[in-house]
Amino acid sequence: MAKLKVGTIGCGSIAQGLHLPGYLRNRHCEIVACTDPDTGRWEEVAERFGVKRFYRDYRAMLAKEDLDAVSICTPNYFHAEQALAAMKRGLHVICEKPMVLTRAQADAVVAAAARSRRVFMVGFTHRFLRGNKVAKDLISSGQLGRPFMVRVRFAHGGPYPGWAKTDWFYDRKLAGGGAMLDMGIHAFDLVRYFLGDAKSVSAFVKTIFKPIPVDDNAVLALEFENGGLGYVEVGWTSLPGFNGVEIYCEKGNLIIDYAQGMKLISGHADPSGRHTVRTRKFRFRPTEGGGSAEMDYFVDCIRKRRKPEMGAAEGRAALDIALAAYESAKTGRRVSLR
């Protein structure tokens, strides 16, 4: 099988840190061209990844290049337009999260992906972390019984200054939201991954500390269709602390601490106060995998003509939670999901 001819729409941090390295490492790919309106990035990308052709406008690249697949690595505002254009050209697409910013855009992308005979995938990187994958396997196997509670905390000091190359994350039009949308969207996908569809959301979404026009912290309570409950906390103002996932099941609890490791706690307690506790510590780093595994999975789905687990419908479902959270924070009410 010939190598896949790939390109990126956008050459910023996520393209340089995840997508382009992933394509470069994969022996089934050839990076043909990239687009970015900031021509200052072209030299760096050419030197690091061997890209020879660049375009300021993604439409020119789609029209002129014979591509098989593209990564959409631009600010959130542009995702819908670019995803629809790429699918119209018959390309396989991996789109950074959030997939889009509105429900109407989400519906359009879901419909286009359904019509397409190509792979459409959303970049939900946390699904590819080894700790989360092992947790999912344990839950799916039935060993732990029904999951009834999930807690996710994702927090750090913010994308800029830091790993982001510009401050577009703090521009309401370009980003669509702040920490709740940027980091929360990963959490919303994960809680669905473990407990299934959410039923309702109650949220506090605030700008507490940073002098920015978007939110820098959020706390959400979720109710799930399976009767379970969930808690999500995200923030851009955090000093070091717990980052990871906790999943509570009938027969054991999974603690996935991204920094300290993963463990399974099980046992029994009765009204007399007698109890037994067993702790199994896993010997791998829970953050193994991630971006490199994500890109390999995307390429593998293309080569094997397989539908990805995190397609347009999953992108829309995570967005639904985010939009419901913003509505709940604005109205002070619990919001039911469609």
C-alpha atoms as a PDB file:
ATOM      1  CA  MET A   1       0.000   0.000   0.000  1.00  0.00           C
ATOM      2  CA  ALA A   2       1.358   3.430  -0.944  1.00  0.00           C
ATOM      3  CA  LYS A   3       2.166   5.911   1.774  1.00  0.00           C
ATOM      4  CA  LEU A   4      -0.611   8.219   2.868  1.00  0.00           C
ATOM      5  CA  LYS A   5      -0.071  11.789   1.717  1.00  0.00           C
ATOM      6  CA  VAL A   6      -0.875  13.989   4.692  1.00  0.00           C
ATOM      7  CA  GLY A   7      -0.844  17.643   5.657  1.00  0.00           C
ATOM      8  CA  THR A   8      -1.811  19.924   8.514  1.00  0.00           C
ATOM      9  CA  ILE A   9      -4.082  22.927   8.544  1.00  0.00           C
ATOM     10  CA  GLY A  10      -2.283  25.043  11.122  1.00  0.00           C
ATOM     11  CA  CYS A  11       1.354  24.818  12.226  1.00  0.00           C
ATOM     12  CA  GLY A  12       1.132  25.919  15.856  1.00  0.00           C
ATOM     13  CA  SER A  13       1.958  24.091  19.071  1.00  0.00           C
ATOM     14  CA  ILE A  14      -0.415  21.154  18.715  1.00  0.00           C
ATOM     15  CA  ALA A  15       0.691  20.522  15.128  1.00  0.00           C
ATOM     16  CA  GLN A  16       4.369  20.698  16.048  1.00  0.00           C
ATOM     17  CA  GLY A  17       4.005  18.824  19.310  1.00  0.00           C
ATOM     18  CA  LEU A  18       1.638  16.019  18.295  1.00  0.00           C
ATOM     19  CA  HIS A  19       0.417  15.755  14.704  1.00  0.00           C
ATOM     20  CA  LEU A  20       3.564  16.359  12.672  1.00  0.00           C
ATOM     21  CA  PRO A  21       5.815  14.206  14.909  1.00  0.00           C
ATOM     22  CA  GLY A  22       3.184  11.458  14.766  1.00  0.00           C
ATOM     23  CA  TYR A  23       3.106  11.497  10.981  1.00  0.00           C
ATOM     24  CA  LEU A  24       6.889  11.680  10.776  1.00  0.00           C
ATOM     25  CA  ARG A  25       7.341   8.600  12.973  1.00  0.00           C
ATOM     26  CA  ASN A  26       4.742   6.561  11.117  1.00  0.00           C
ATOM     27  CA  ARG A  27       6.253   4.640   8.202  1.00  0.00           C
ATOM     28  CA  HIS A  28       2.921   4.678   6.369  1.00  0.00           C
ATOM     29  CA  CYS A  29       2.824   8.485   6.046  1.00  0.00           C
ATOM     30  CA  GLU A  30       4.434  11.186   3.940  1.00  0.00           C
ATOM     31  CA  ILE A  31       4.006  14.807   5.029  1.00  0.00           C
ATOM     32  CA  VAL A  32       3.320  16.626   1.769  1.00  0.00           C
ATOM     33  CA  ALA A  33       2.249  20.174   2.703  1.00  0.00           C
ATOM     34  CA  CYS A  34       1.066  22.412   5.529  1.00  0.00           C
ATOM     35  CA  THR A  35      -0.843  25.658   5.851  1.00  0.00           C
ATOM     36  CA  ASP A  36      -0.495  28.547   8.259  1.00  0.00           C
ATOM     37  CA  PRO A  37      -1.136  32.273   7.785  1.00  0.00           C
ATOM     38  CA  ASP A  38       1.882  32.998  10.025  1.00  0.00           C
ATOM     39  CA  THR A  39       4.741  32.531   7.563  1.00  0.00           C
ATOM     40  CA  GLY A  40       7.224  32.867  10.421  1.00  0.00           C
ATOM     41  CA  ARG A  41       6.440  29.261  11.389  1.00  0.00           C
ATOM     42  CA  TRP A  42       7.229  27.805   7.996  1.00  0.00           C
ATOM     43  CA  GLU A  43      11.010  27.694   8.382  1.00  0.00           C
ATOM     44  CA  GLU A  44      10.807  25.948  11.753  1.00  0.00           C
ATOM     45  CA  VAL A  45       8.349  23.343  10.473  1.00  0.00           C
ATOM     46  CA  ALA A  46      10.363  22.773   7.297  1.00  0.00           C
ATOM     47  CA  GLU A  47      13.548  22.230   9.291  1.00  0.00           C
ATOM     48  CA  ARG A  48      12.026  19.970  11.960  1.00  0.00           C
ATOM     49  CA  PHE A  49       9.691  17.869   9.821  1.00  0.00           C
ATOM     50  CA  GLY A  50      11.020  18.103   6.272  1.00  0.00           C
ATOM     51  CA  VAL A  51       7.916  19.829   4.879  1.00  0.00           C
ATOM     52  CA  LYS A  52       8.635  21.420   1.504  1.00  0.00           C
ATOM     53  CA  ARG A  53       5.391  23.149   0.514  1.00  0.00           C
ATOM     54  CA  PHE A  54       3.438  25.701   2.516  1.00  0.00           C
ATOM     55  CA  TYR A  55       0.278  27.712   1.949  1.00  0.00           C
ATOM     56  CA  ARG A  56      -1.115  30.731   3.744  1.00  0.00           C
ATOM     57  CA  ASP A  57      -4.687  29.650   2.905  1.00  0.00           C
ATOM     58  CA  TYR A  58      -5.861  26.118   3.603  1.00  0.00           C
ATOM     59  CA  ARG A  59      -8.248  26.282   0.638  1.00  0.00           C
ATOM     60  CA  ALA A  60      -5.305  26.603  -1.750  1.00  0.00           C
ATOM     61  CA  MET A  61      -3.641  23.521  -0.267  1.00  0.00           C
ATOM     62  CA  LEU A  62      -6.845  21.476  -0.537  1.00  0.00           C
ATOM     63  CA  ALA A  63      -7.272  22.538  -4.160  1.00  0.00           C
ATOM     64  CA  LYS A  64      -3.688  22.031  -5.344  1.00  0.00           C
ATOM     65  CA  GLU A  65      -2.324  19.088  -3.369  1.00  0.00           C
ATOM     66  CA  ASP A  66      -3.130  15.411  -3.893  1.00  0.00           C
ATOM     67  CA  LEU A  67      -3.715  14.585  -0.234  1.00  0.00           C
ATOM     68  CA  ASP A  68      -5.223  11.597   1.510  1.00  0.00           C
ATOM     69  CA  ALA A  69      -5.645  13.081   4.983  1.00  0.00           C
ATOM     70  CA  VAL A  70      -5.331  16.299   6.972  1.00  0.00           C
ATOM     71  CA  SER A  71      -5.026  17.334  10.587  1.00  0.00           C
ATOM     72  CA  ILE A  72      -6.991  20.408  11.649  1.00  0.00           C
ATOM     73  CA  CYS A  73      -4.803  22.202  14.176  1.00  0.00           C
ATOM     74  CA  THR A  74      -6.201  25.743  14.096  1.00  0.00           C
ATOM     75  CA  PRO A  75      -8.044  27.827  16.718  1.00  0.00           C
ATOM     76  CA  ASN A  76     -11.459  26.423  17.555  1.00  0.00           C
ATOM     77  CA  TYR A  77     -13.409  29.047  15.595  1.00  0.00           C
ATOM     78  CA  PHE A  78     -12.149  27.623  12.285  1.00  0.00           C
ATOM     79  CA  HIS A  79     -12.711  23.911  12.925  1.00  0.00           C
ATOM     80  CA  ALA A  80     -16.186  23.551  11.443  1.00  0.00           C
ATOM     81  CA  GLU A  81     -15.424  25.380   8.196  1.00  0.00           C
ATOM     82  CA  GLN A  82     -12.162  23.528   7.643  1.00  0.00           C
ATOM     83  CA  ALA A  83     -13.511  20.093   8.569  1.00  0.00           C
ATOM     84  CA  LEU A  84     -16.430  20.459   6.176  1.00  0.00           C
ATOM     85  CA  ALA A  85     -14.145  21.680   3.380  1.00  0.00           C
ATOM     86  CA  ALA A  86     -11.716  18.780   3.859  1.00  0.00           C
ATOM     87  CA  MET A  87     -14.500  16.198   3.875  1.00  0.00           C
ATOM     88  CA  LYS A  88     -15.992  17.776   0.755  1.00  0.00           C
ATOM     89  CA  ARG A  89     -12.626  17.145  -0.949  1.00  0.00           C
ATOM     90  CA  GLY A  90     -12.880  13.476   0.050  1.00  0.00           C
ATOM     91  CA  LEU A  91     -10.122  13.550   2.675  1.00  0.00           C
ATOM     92  CA  HIS A  92      -9.692  11.669   5.919  1.00  0.00           C
ATOM     93  CA  VAL A  93      -9.740  14.159   8.808  1.00  0.00           C
ATOM     94  CA  ILE A  94      -8.478  14.304  12.362  1.00  0.00           C
ATOM     95  CA  CYS A  95      -9.744  17.453  14.050  1.00  0.00           C
ATOM     96  CA  GLU A  96      -8.430  18.902  17.277  1.00  0.00           C
ATOM     97  CA  LYS A  97     -10.852  19.332  20.133  1.00  0.00           C
ATOM     98  CA  PRO A  98     -13.356  20.848  20.638  1.00  0.00           C
ATOM     99  CA  MET A  99     -14.641  19.576  17.312  1.00  0.00           C
ATOM    100  CA  VAL A 100     -16.713  22.748  16.754  1.00  0.00           C
ATOM    101  CA  LEU A 101     -18.301  25.538  18.824  1.00  0.00           C
ATOM    102  CA  THR A 102     -22.061  25.332  18.214  1.00  0.00           C
ATOM    103  CA  ARG A 103     -24.701  22.623  18.009  1.00  0.00           C
ATOM    104  CA  ALA A 104     -25.573  23.639  14.451  1.00  0.00           C
ATOM    105  CA  GLN A 105     -21.932  23.217  13.422  1.00  0.00           C
ATOM    106  CA  ALA A 106     -21.787  19.880  15.229  1.00  0.00           C
ATOM    107  CA  ASP A 107     -24.859  18.619  13.406  1.00  0.00           C
ATOM    108  CA  ALA A 108     -23.374  19.690  10.055  1.00  0.00           C
ATOM    109  CA  VAL A 109     -20.095  17.883  10.751  1.00  0.00           C
ATOM    110  CA  VAL A 110     -21.868  14.737  11.985  1.00  0.00           C
ATOM    111  CA  ALA A 111     -23.985  14.675   8.822  1.00  0.00           C
ATOM    112  CA  ALA A 112     -20.986  15.245   6.551  1.00  0.00           C
ATOM    113  CA  ALA A 113     -18.981  12.534   8.313  1.00  0.00           C
ATOM    114  CA  ALA A 114     -21.891  10.102   7.903  1.00  0.00           C
ATOM    115  CA  ARG A 115     -22.051  10.823   4.170  1.00  0.00           C
ATOM    116  CA  SER A 116     -18.319  10.491   3.763  1.00  0.00           C
ATOM    117  CA  ARG A 117     -16.607   7.173   3.152  1.00  0.00           C
ATOM    118  CA  ARG A 118     -13.554   8.546   4.903  1.00  0.00           C
ATOM    119  CA  VAL A 119     -12.317   8.535   8.496  1.00  0.00           C
ATOM    120  CA  PHE A 120     -13.346  11.472  10.663  1.00  0.00           C
ATOM    121  CA  MET A 121     -11.798  11.509  14.120  1.00  0.00           C
ATOM    122  CA  VAL A 122     -11.672  13.977  17.024  1.00  0.00           C
ATOM    123  CA  GLY A 123      -8.390  14.382  18.917  1.00  0.00           C
ATOM    124  CA  PHE A 124      -9.466  13.076  22.325  1.00  0.00           C
ATOM    125  CA  THR A 125      -5.915  12.272  23.383  1.00  0.00           C
ATOM    126  CA  HIS A 126      -6.732  11.157  26.930  1.00  0.00           C
ATOM    127  CA  ARG A 127      -8.464   8.036  25.634  1.00  0.00           C
ATOM    128  CA  PHE A 128      -5.054   6.862  24.444  1.00  0.00           C
ATOM    129  CA  LEU A 129      -3.307   7.197  27.811  1.00  0.00           C
ATOM    130  CA  ARG A 130      -2.483   3.726  29.060  1.00  0.00           C
ATOM    131  CA  GLY A 131      -4.083   4.210  32.454  1.00  0.00           C
ATOM    132  CA  ASN A 132      -7.419   5.196  30.942  1.00  0.00           C
ATOM    133  CA  LYS A 133      -7.304   2.355  28.419  1.00  0.00           C
ATOM    134  CA  VAL A 134      -6.602  -0.235  31.143  1.00  0.00           C
ATOM    135  CA  ALA A 135      -9.410   1.236  33.251  1.00  0.00           C
ATOM    136  CA  LYS A 136     -11.839   0.977  30.349  1.00  0.00           C
ATOM    137  CA  ASP A 137     -10.863  -2.639  29.732  1.00  0.00           C
ATOM    138  CA  LEU A 138     -11.369  -3.535  33.396  1.00  0.00           C
ATOM    139  CA  ILE A 139     -14.790  -1.884  33.474  1.00  0.00           C
ATOM    140  CA  SER A 140     -15.893  -3.382  30.156  1.00  0.00           C
ATOM    141  CA  SER A 141     -14.853  -6.862  31.310  1.00  0.00           C
ATOM    142  CA  GLY A 142     -17.336  -6.677  34.196  1.00  0.00           C
ATOM    143  CA  GLN A 143     -14.682  -7.449  36.819  1.00  0.00           C
ATOM    144  CA  LEU A 144     -15.492  -4.326  38.818  1.00  0.00           C
ATOM    145  CA  GLY A 145     -19.261  -4.361  38.480  1.00  0.00           C
ATOM    146  CA  ARG A 146     -21.253  -1.288  37.545  1.00  0.00           C
ATOM    147  CA  PRO A 147     -19.418   2.065  37.604  1.00  0.00           C
ATOM    148  CA  PHE A 148     -21.490   4.571  39.584  1.00  0.00           C
ATOM    149  CA  MET A 149     -19.225   7.566  40.202  1.00  0.00           C
ATOM    150  CA  VAL A 150     -16.446   9.334  38.301  1.00  0.00           C
ATOM    151  CA  ARG A 151     -14.252  12.260  39.255  1.00  0.00           C
ATOM    152  CA  VAL A 152     -11.919  14.104  36.864  1.00  0.00           C
ATOM    153  CA  ARG A 153      -9.557  16.928  37.701  1.00  0.00           C
ATOM    154  CA  PHE A 154      -7.477  18.542  34.946  1.00  0.00           C
ATOM    155  CA  ALA A 155      -5.697  21.731  35.987  1.00  0.00           C
ATOM    156  CA  HIS A 156      -2.487  23.615  35.298  1.00  0.00           C
ATOM    157  CA  GLY A 157      -1.189  27.174  35.034  1.00  0.00           C
ATOM    158  CA  GLY A 158      -2.736  27.913  31.646  1.00  0.00           C
ATOM    159  CA  PRO A 159      -1.634  27.560  28.015  1.00  0.00           C
ATOM    160  CA  TYR A 160      -0.063  31.022  27.628  1.00  0.00           C
ATOM    161  CA  PRO A 161       2.576  31.965  28.527  1.00  0.00           C
ATOM    162  CA  GLY A 162       3.586  28.328  28.430  1.00  0.00           C
ATOM    163  CA  TRP A 163       3.274  25.761  25.699  1.00  0.00           C
ATOM    164  CA  ALA A 164       0.977  27.775  23.393  1.00  0.00           C
ATOM    165  CA  LYS A 165       2.694  29.957  20.787  1.00  0.00           C
ATOM    166  CA  THR A 166       0.130  32.791  21.006  1.00  0.00           C
ATOM    167  CA  ASP A 167      -2.619  33.907  23.368  1.00  0.00           C
ATOM    168  CA  TRP A 168      -5.536  32.960  21.091  1.00  0.00           C
ATOM    169  CA  PHE A 169      -6.845  30.687  23.865  1.00  0.00           C
ATOM    170  CA  TYR A 170      -7.900  33.862  25.701  1.00  0.00           C
ATOM    171  CA  ASP A 171      -9.770  35.324  22.712  1.00  0.00           C
ATOM    172  CA  ARG A 172     -13.471  34.591  23.148  1.00  0.00           C
ATOM    173  CA  LYS A 173     -14.224  34.582  19.408  1.00  0.00           C
ATOM    174  CA  LEU A 174     -11.325  32.301  18.436  1.00  0.00           C
ATOM    175  CA  ALA A 175     -11.518  29.933  21.406  1.00  0.00           C
ATOM    176  CA  GLY A 176     -15.252  29.925  22.125  1.00  0.00           C
ATOM    177  CA  GLY A 177     -14.583  29.561  25.847  1.00  0.00           C
ATOM    178  CA  GLY A 178     -11.823  29.211  28.393  1.00  0.00           C
ATOM    179  CA  ALA A 179     -10.544  26.427  30.626  1.00  0.00           C
ATOM    180  CA  MET A 180     -13.962  24.757  30.766  1.00  0.00           C
ATOM    181  CA  LEU A 181     -14.011  24.231  27.009  1.00  0.00           C
ATOM    182  CA  ASP A 182     -10.279  23.703  26.453  1.00  0.00           C
ATOM    183  CA  MET A 183      -9.551  21.204  29.214  1.00  0.00           C
ATOM    184  CA  GLY A 184     -13.083  20.235  30.102  1.00  0.00           C
ATOM    185  CA  ILE A 185     -13.797  18.786  26.676  1.00  0.00           C
ATOM    186  CA  HIS A 186     -11.265  16.023  27.360  1.00  0.00           C
ATOM    187  CA  ALA A 187     -12.909  15.346  30.727  1.00  0.00           C
ATOM    188  CA  PHE A 188     -16.391  15.253  29.210  1.00  0.00           C
ATOM    189  CA  ASP A 189     -15.298  12.700  26.656  1.00  0.00           C
ATOM    190  CA  LEU A 190     -13.668  10.586  29.373  1.00  0.00           C
ATOM    191  CA  VAL A 191     -16.669  10.525  31.695  1.00  0.00           C
ATOM    192  CA  ARG A 192     -18.798   9.316  28.772  1.00  0.00           C
ATOM    193  CA  TYR A 193     -16.080   6.767  27.941  1.00  0.00           C
ATOM    194  CA  PHE A 194     -16.410   5.276  31.418  1.00  0.00           C
ATOM    195  CA  LEU A 195     -20.055   5.814  32.460  1.00  0.00           C
ATOM    196  CA  GLY A 196     -21.928   6.388  29.197  1.00  0.00           C
ATOM    197  CA  ASP A 197     -24.204   9.244  28.214  1.00  0.00           C
ATOM    198  CA  ALA A 198     -24.758  12.140  30.601  1.00  0.00           C
ATOM    199  CA  LYS A 199     -28.325  13.117  31.485  1.00  0.00           C
ATOM    200  CA  SER A 200     -27.917  16.537  33.090  1.00  0.00           C
ATOM    201  CA  VAL A 201     -25.316  19.103  34.109  1.00  0.00           C
ATOM    202  CA  SER A 202     -25.006  21.650  36.914  1.00  0.00           C
ATOM    203  CA  ALA A 203     -22.006  23.966  36.713  1.00  0.00           C
ATOM    204  CA  PHE A 204     -20.096  26.916  38.083  1.00  0.00           C
ATOM    205  CA  VAL A 205     -17.910  28.497  35.405  1.00  0.00           C
ATOM    206  CA  LYS A 206     -15.913  31.557  36.464  1.00  0.00           C
ATOM    207  CA  THR A 207     -12.975  33.824  35.792  1.00  0.00           C
ATOM    208  CA  ILE A 208     -11.455  33.879  39.260  1.00  0.00           C
ATOM    209  CA  PHE A 209      -7.848  34.880  38.890  1.00  0.00           C
ATOM    210  CA  LYS A 210      -6.495  35.584  35.395  1.00  0.00           C
ATOM    211  CA  PRO A 211      -7.126  38.981  33.697  1.00  0.00           C
ATOM    212  CA  ILE A 212      -8.700  37.321  30.647  1.00  0.00           C
ATOM    213  CA  PRO A 213     -12.162  37.592  29.014  1.00  0.00           C
ATOM    214  CA  VAL A 214     -12.828  33.822  29.229  1.00  0.00           C
ATOM    215  CA  ASP A 215     -13.250  31.466  32.172  1.00  0.00           C
ATOM    216  CA  ASP A 216     -10.197  30.184  34.035  1.00  0.00           C
ATOM    217  CA  ASN A 217     -11.919  27.679  36.371  1.00  0.00           C
ATOM    218  CA  ALA A 218     -15.000  25.466  36.354  1.00  0.00           C
ATOM    219  CA  VAL A 219     -16.684  22.831  38.510  1.00  0.00           C
ATOM    220  CA  LEU A 220     -19.423  20.560  37.162  1.00  0.00           C
ATOM    221  CA  ALA A 221     -21.759  17.962  38.632  1.00  0.00           C
ATOM    222  CA  LEU A 222     -23.157  15.419  36.176  1.00  0.00           C
ATOM    223  CA  GLU A 223     -25.942  12.851  36.256  1.00  0.00           C
ATOM    224  CA  PHE A 224     -25.695   9.871  33.908  1.00  0.00           C
ATOM    225  CA  GLU A 225     -28.299   7.780  32.136  1.00  0.00           C
ATOM    226  CA  ASN A 226     -27.059   4.699  34.025  1.00  0.00           C
ATOM    227  CA  GLY A 227     -27.933   6.372  37.340  1.00  0.00           C
ATOM    228  CA  GLY A 228     -24.346   7.300  38.165  1.00  0.00           C
ATOM    229  CA  LEU A 229     -22.934  10.675  39.141  1.00  0.00           C
ATOM    230  CA  GLY A 230     -19.846  12.596  38.154  1.00  0.00           C
ATOM    231  CA  TYR A 231     -17.693  15.527  39.166  1.00  0.00           C
ATOM    232  CA  VAL A 232     -15.386  17.488  36.869  1.00  0.00           C
ATOM    233  CA  GLU A 233     -12.984  20.250  37.898  1.00  0.00           C
ATOM    234  CA  VAL A 234     -10.807  22.128  35.421  1.00  0.00           C
ATOM    235  CA  GLY A 235      -8.627  25.189  35.742  1.00  0.00           C
ATOM    236  CA  TRP A 236      -5.899  27.382  34.322  1.00  0.00           C
ATOM    237  CA  THR A 237      -4.714  28.743  37.673  1.00  0.00           C
ATOM    238  CA  SER A 238      -3.475  25.639  39.439  1.00  0.00           C
ATOM    239  CA  LEU A 239      -0.232  25.040  41.251  1.00  0.00           C
ATOM    240  CA  PRO A 240       0.872  21.375  41.224  1.00  0.00           C
ATOM    241  CA  GLY A 241      -1.825  19.063  42.550  1.00  0.00           C
ATOM    242  CA  PHE A 242      -3.845  16.005  41.618  1.00  0.00           C
ATOM    243  CA  ASN A 243      -4.439  15.567  37.913  1.00  0.00           C
ATOM    244  CA  GLY A 244      -6.258  12.506  36.756  1.00  0.00           C
ATOM    245  CA  VAL A 245      -9.344  10.361  37.048  1.00  0.00           C
ATOM    246  CA  GLU A 246     -11.114   8.394  39.783  1.00  0.00           C
ATOM    247  CA  ILE A 247     -13.735   5.786  38.896  1.00  0.00           C
ATOM    248  CA  TYR A 248     -15.840   4.127  41.599  1.00  0.00           C
ATOM    249  CA  CYS A 249     -17.464   0.774  40.831  1.00  0.00           C
ATOM    250  CA  GLU A 250     -19.448  -1.814  42.767  1.00  0.00           C
ATOM    251  CA  LYS A 251     -16.434  -4.072  43.306  1.00  0.00           C
ATOM    252  CA  GLY A 252     -13.495  -1.681  43.306  1.00  0.00           C
ATOM    253  CA  ASN A 253     -12.197   1.818  42.744  1.00  0.00           C
ATOM    254  CA  LEU A 254      -9.677   2.923  40.120  1.00  0.00           C
ATOM    255  CA  ILE A 255      -7.429   5.859  40.966  1.00  0.00           C
ATOM    256  CA  ILE A 256      -5.527   7.133  37.920  1.00  0.00           C
ATOM    257  CA  ASP A 257      -3.129   9.793  39.161  1.00  0.00           C
ATOM    258  CA  TYR A 258      -1.311  11.092  36.098  1.00  0.00           C
ATOM    259  CA  ALA A 259       1.777  11.997  38.128  1.00  0.00           C
ATOM    260  CA  GLN A 260       1.869   9.383  40.908  1.00  0.00           C
ATOM    261  CA  GLY A 261       0.601   6.248  39.196  1.00  0.00           C
ATOM    262  CA  MET A 262      -2.485   4.063  38.998  1.00  0.00           C
ATOM    263  CA  LYS A 263      -4.021   1.714  41.541  1.00  0.00           C
ATOM    264  CA  LEU A 264      -7.078  -0.462  42.033  1.00  0.00           C
ATOM    265  CA  ILE A 265      -8.588  -0.480  45.519  1.00  0.00           C
ATOM    266  CA  SER A 266     -11.060  -3.207  46.420  1.00  0.00           C
ATOM    267  CA  GLY A 267     -12.379  -4.825  49.549  1.00  0.00           C
ATOM    268  CA  HIS A 268     -15.385  -5.155  51.816  1.00  0.00           C
ATOM    269  CA  ALA A 269     -16.931  -3.297  54.746  1.00  0.00           C
ATOM    270  CA  ASP A 270     -19.953  -4.222  56.888  1.00  0.00           C
ATOM    271  CA  PRO A 271     -22.003  -2.374  59.543  1.00  0.00           C
ATOM    272  CA  SER A 272     -19.949  -3.899  62.359  1.00  0.00           C
ATOM    273  CA  GLY A 273     -16.951  -1.909  61.224  1.00  0.00           C
ATOM    274  CA  ARG A 274     -15.008  -4.891  59.959  1.00  0.00           C
ATOM    275  CA  HIS A 275     -13.404  -4.282  56.616  1.00  0.00           C
ATOM    276  CA  THR A 276     -10.716  -5.525  54.313  1.00  0.00           C
ATOM    277  CA  VAL A 277      -8.904  -3.396  51.781  1.00  0.00           C
ATOM    278  CA  ARG A 278      -6.747  -4.640  48.936  1.00  0.00           C
ATOM    279  CA  THR A 279      -4.617  -2.320  46.822  1.00  0.00           C
ATOM    280  CA  ARG A 280      -3.121  -3.280  43.482  1.00  0.00           C
ATOM    281  CA  LYS A 281      -0.557  -0.873  42.106  1.00  0.00           C
ATOM    282  CA  PHE A 282       0.068  -0.923  38.374  1.00  0.00           C
ATOM    283  CA  ARG A 283       3.701  -0.840  37.324  1.00  0.00           C
ATOM    284  CA  PHE A 284       3.366   1.391  34.274  1.00  0.00           C
ATOM    285  CA  ARG A 285       3.059   5.150  33.941  1.00  0.00           C
ATOM    286  CA  PRO A 286      -0.633   5.958  33.364  1.00  0.00           C
ATOM    287  CA  THR A 287       0.303   8.682  30.857  1.00  0.00           C
ATOM    288  CA  GLU A 288       2.109   6.315  28.479  1.00  0.00           C
ATOM    289  CA  GLY A 289       0.744   6.456  24.955  1.00  0.00           C
ATOM    290  CA  GLY A 290      -1.183   9.664  24.422  1.00  0.00           C
ATOM    291  CA  GLY A 291      -0.458  11.663  21.287  1.00  0.00           C
ATOM    292  CA  SER A 292       1.802   9.155  19.550  1.00  0.00           C
ATOM    293  CA  ALA A 293      -0.749   6.373  20.033  1.00  0.00           C
ATOM    294  CA  GLU A 294      -3.517   8.699  18.846  1.00  0.00           C
ATOM    295  CA  MET A 295      -1.813   9.452  15.537  1.00  0.00           C
ATOM    296  CA  ASP A 296      -0.971   5.797  14.918  1.00  0.00           C
ATOM    297  CA  TYR A 297      -4.604   4.897  15.601  1.00  0.00           C
ATOM    298  CA  PHE A 298      -5.817   7.506  13.087  1.00  0.00           C
ATOM    299  CA  VAL A 299      -3.483   6.160  10.410  1.00  0.00           C
ATOM    300  CA  ASP A 300      -4.441   2.576  11.242  1.00  0.00           C
ATOM    301  CA  CYS A 301      -8.142   3.408  10.904  1.00  0.00           C
ATOM    302  CA  ILE A 302      -7.486   4.829   7.436  1.00  0.00           C
ATOM    303  CA  ARG A 303      -5.420   1.861   6.287  1.00  0.00           C
ATOM    304  CA  LYS A 304      -7.871  -0.726   7.640  1.00  0.00           C
ATOM    305  CA  ARG A 305     -10.998   1.234   6.704  1.00  0.00           C
ATOM    306  CA  ARG A 306     -12.145   1.173  10.300  1.00  0.00           C
ATOM    307  CA  LYS A 307     -14.468   3.641  11.985  1.00  0.00           C
ATOM    308  CA  PRO A 308     -12.710   5.374  14.906  1.00  0.00           C
ATOM    309  CA  GLU A 309     -14.169   5.149  18.389  1.00  0.00           C
ATOM    310  CA  MET A 310     -13.981   8.923  18.782  1.00  0.00           C
ATOM    311  CA  GLY A 311     -15.817  10.126  15.704  1.00  0.00           C
ATOM    312  CA  ALA A 312     -18.056  13.104  15.011  1.00  0.00           C
ATOM    313  CA  ALA A 313     -20.863  11.815  17.241  1.00  0.00           C
ATOM    314  CA  GLU A 314     -18.475  11.659  20.213  1.00  0.00           C
ATOM    315  CA  GLY A 315     -17.262  15.170  19.397  1.00  0.00           C
ATOM    316  CA  ARG A 316     -20.845  16.433  19.430  1.00  0.00           C
ATOM    317  CA  ALA A 317     -21.674  14.623  22.690  1.00  0.00           C
ATOM    318  CA  ALA A 318     -18.728  16.208  24.518  1.00  0.00           C
ATOM    319  CA  LEU A 319     -19.669  19.626  23.131  1.00  0.00           C
ATOM    320  CA  ASP A 320     -23.252  19.149  24.348  1.00  0.00           C
ATOM    321  CA  ILE A 321     -21.954  18.805  27.913  1.00  0.00           C
ATOM    322  CA  ALA A 322     -19.792  21.912  27.549  1.00  0.00           C
ATOM    323  CA  LEU A 323     -22.615  24.040  26.164  1.00  0.00           C
ATOM    324  CA  ALA A 324     -24.990  22.776  28.865  1.00  0.00           C
ATOM    325  CA  ALA A 325     -22.400  23.709  31.496  1.00  0.00           C
ATOM    326  CA  TYR A 326     -22.162  27.268  30.184  1.00  0.00           C
ATOM    327  CA  GLU A 327     -25.962  27.498  30.182  1.00  0.00           C
ATOM    328  CA  SER A 328     -26.168  26.146  33.724  1.00  0.00           C
ATOM    329  CA  ALA A 329     -23.553  28.608  34.977  1.00  0.00           C
ATOM    330  CA  LYS A 330     -25.436  31.487  33.339  1.00  0.00           C
ATOM    331  CA  THR A 331     -28.908  30.549  34.569  1.00  0.00           C
ATOM    332  CA  GLY A 332     -28.043  28.961  37.911  1.00  0.00           C
ATOM    333  CA  ARG A 333     -30.094  25.915  36.970  1.00  0.00           C
ATOM    334  CA  ARG A 334     -29.470  22.275  36.182  1.00  0.00           C
ATOM    335  CA  VAL A 335     -29.601  21.716  32.423  1.00  0.00           C
ATOM    336  CA  SER A 336     -30.857  18.521  30.804  1.00  0.00           C
ATOM    337  CA  LEU A 337     -28.987  17.168  27.796  1.00  0.00           C
ATOM    338  CA  ARG A 338     -30.747  16.424  24.539  1.00  0.00           C
END
